Amino acid sequence: MTFTKDPDAVLDYSVDWSLWLAGDEISTSEWILEEGALLEKATDTNTATKATAWLRGGQSGITYLVTNRIVTVGGRTDDRTISVKVEDR
């Protein structure tokens, strides 16, 4: 998945894990951003099936990879990576 954001925007990005979970639930969620990137996580939350991160900043013309890693109540761990393209709007 690729999203586009303005460098000045602070927006939410989510991963819906409900189909993959198949009845399991998210126990913990973390968002991993590229080291040294100008794109930053402002905050994050999760429910039993969905993880959300609020992202800010970034340099126009750069596409950043952002990974959501979850651990489930049942002990499974998995990652999903999204692309966030930063451009002036």
Protein backbone atom coordinates (compact mmCIF):
# COMPACT_ATOMS: atom_id res chain seq x y z
CA MET A 1 0.00 0.00 0.00
CA THR A 2 1.26 3.47 -0.86
CA PHE A 3 -0.04 6.66 0.73
CA THR A 4 0.81 10.28 -0.10
CA LYS A 5 1.17 13.03 2.50
CA ASP A 6 2.31 16.65 2.63
CA PRO A 7 5.44 17.33 4.74
CA ASP A 8 3.37 19.58 7.04
CA ALA A 9 0.50 17.11 7.49
CA VAL A 10 -0.01 14.96 10.57
CA LEU A 11 -2.15 12.05 9.41
CA ASP A 12 -3.25 8.61 10.59
CA TYR A 13 -2.32 5.40 8.78
CA SER A 14 -3.83 2.04 9.72
CA VAL A 15 -3.36 -1.66 9.13
CA ASP A 16 -6.49 -3.77 9.52
CA TRP A 17 -5.34 -7.20 10.68
CA SER A 18 -8.83 -8.71 11.15
CA LEU A 19 -8.74 -11.21 8.25
CA TRP A 20 -5.25 -12.46 9.11
CA LEU A 21 -6.05 -12.74 12.82
CA ALA A 22 -8.88 -15.23 12.20
CA GLY A 23 -10.29 -14.80 15.72
CA ASP A 24 -7.00 -14.01 17.47
CA GLU A 25 -6.39 -10.47 18.80
CA ILE A 26 -3.55 -7.95 18.79
CA SER A 27 -1.69 -7.97 22.09
CA THR A 28 1.03 -5.43 21.18
CA SER A 29 1.73 -3.26 18.16
CA GLU A 30 4.81 -1.26 17.25
CA TRP A 31 5.56 0.97 14.27
CA ILE A 32 9.07 0.85 12.84
CA LEU A 33 10.34 3.77 10.73
CA GLU A 34 13.54 3.93 8.74
CA GLU A 35 16.45 5.01 10.93
CA GLY A 36 17.42 8.65 10.41
CA ALA A 37 14.26 9.39 8.42
CA LEU A 38 12.65 12.82 8.65
CA LEU A 39 9.26 11.07 8.82
CA GLU A 40 8.30 10.63 12.48
CA LYS A 41 5.64 8.82 14.47
CA ALA A 42 3.61 11.30 16.52
CA THR A 43 1.59 8.65 18.34
CA ASP A 44 0.06 5.20 17.83
CA THR A 45 -2.88 3.15 19.04
CA ASN A 46 -4.40 -0.25 18.44
CA THR A 47 -7.61 -2.17 18.97
CA ALA A 48 -8.00 -5.93 19.01
CA THR A 49 -7.83 -6.01 15.17
CA LYS A 50 -6.44 -2.70 13.88
CA ALA A 51 -3.19 -0.76 14.43
CA THR A 52 -2.91 2.98 13.72
CA ALA A 53 0.04 5.37 13.64
CA TRP A 54 -0.07 9.17 13.32
CA LEU A 55 2.85 10.31 11.17
CA ARG A 56 4.34 13.77 10.72
CA GLY A 57 7.12 15.38 8.73
CA GLY A 58 9.11 13.83 5.96
CA GLN A 59 11.06 15.33 3.08
CA SER A 60 9.23 16.13 -0.14
CA GLY A 61 10.17 13.77 -2.95
CA ILE A 62 11.05 10.86 -0.63
CA THR A 63 9.06 7.64 -0.18
CA TYR A 64 9.42 6.10 3.29
CA LEU A 65 8.78 2.52 4.36
CA VAL A 66 6.84 2.15 7.61
CA THR A 67 6.38 -1.29 9.20
CA ASN A 68 3.72 -2.32 11.67
CA ARG A 69 4.77 -5.31 13.79
CA ILE A 70 2.19 -7.01 15.96
CA VAL A 71 2.22 -9.80 18.52
CA THR A 72 -1.08 -11.54 19.10
CA VAL A 73 -2.67 -12.89 22.25
CA GLY A 74 -2.05 -16.35 20.76
CA GLY A 75 1.70 -15.64 20.45
CA ARG A 76 1.99 -15.03 16.69
CA THR A 77 4.19 -12.22 15.33
CA ASP A 78 3.89 -10.64 11.89
CA ASP A 79 4.76 -7.45 9.97
CA ARG A 80 3.01 -5.34 7.35
CA THR A 81 4.87 -2.55 5.54
CA ILE A 82 3.31 0.51 3.93
CA SER A 83 4.92 3.18 1.76
CA VAL A 84 4.39 6.86 2.55
CA LYS A 85 5.32 9.19 -0.31
CA VAL A 86 5.89 12.76 0.83
CA GLU A 87 5.11 15.54 -1.63
CA ASP A 88 4.06 19.16 -1.44
CA ARG A 89 0.32 19.49 -1.99
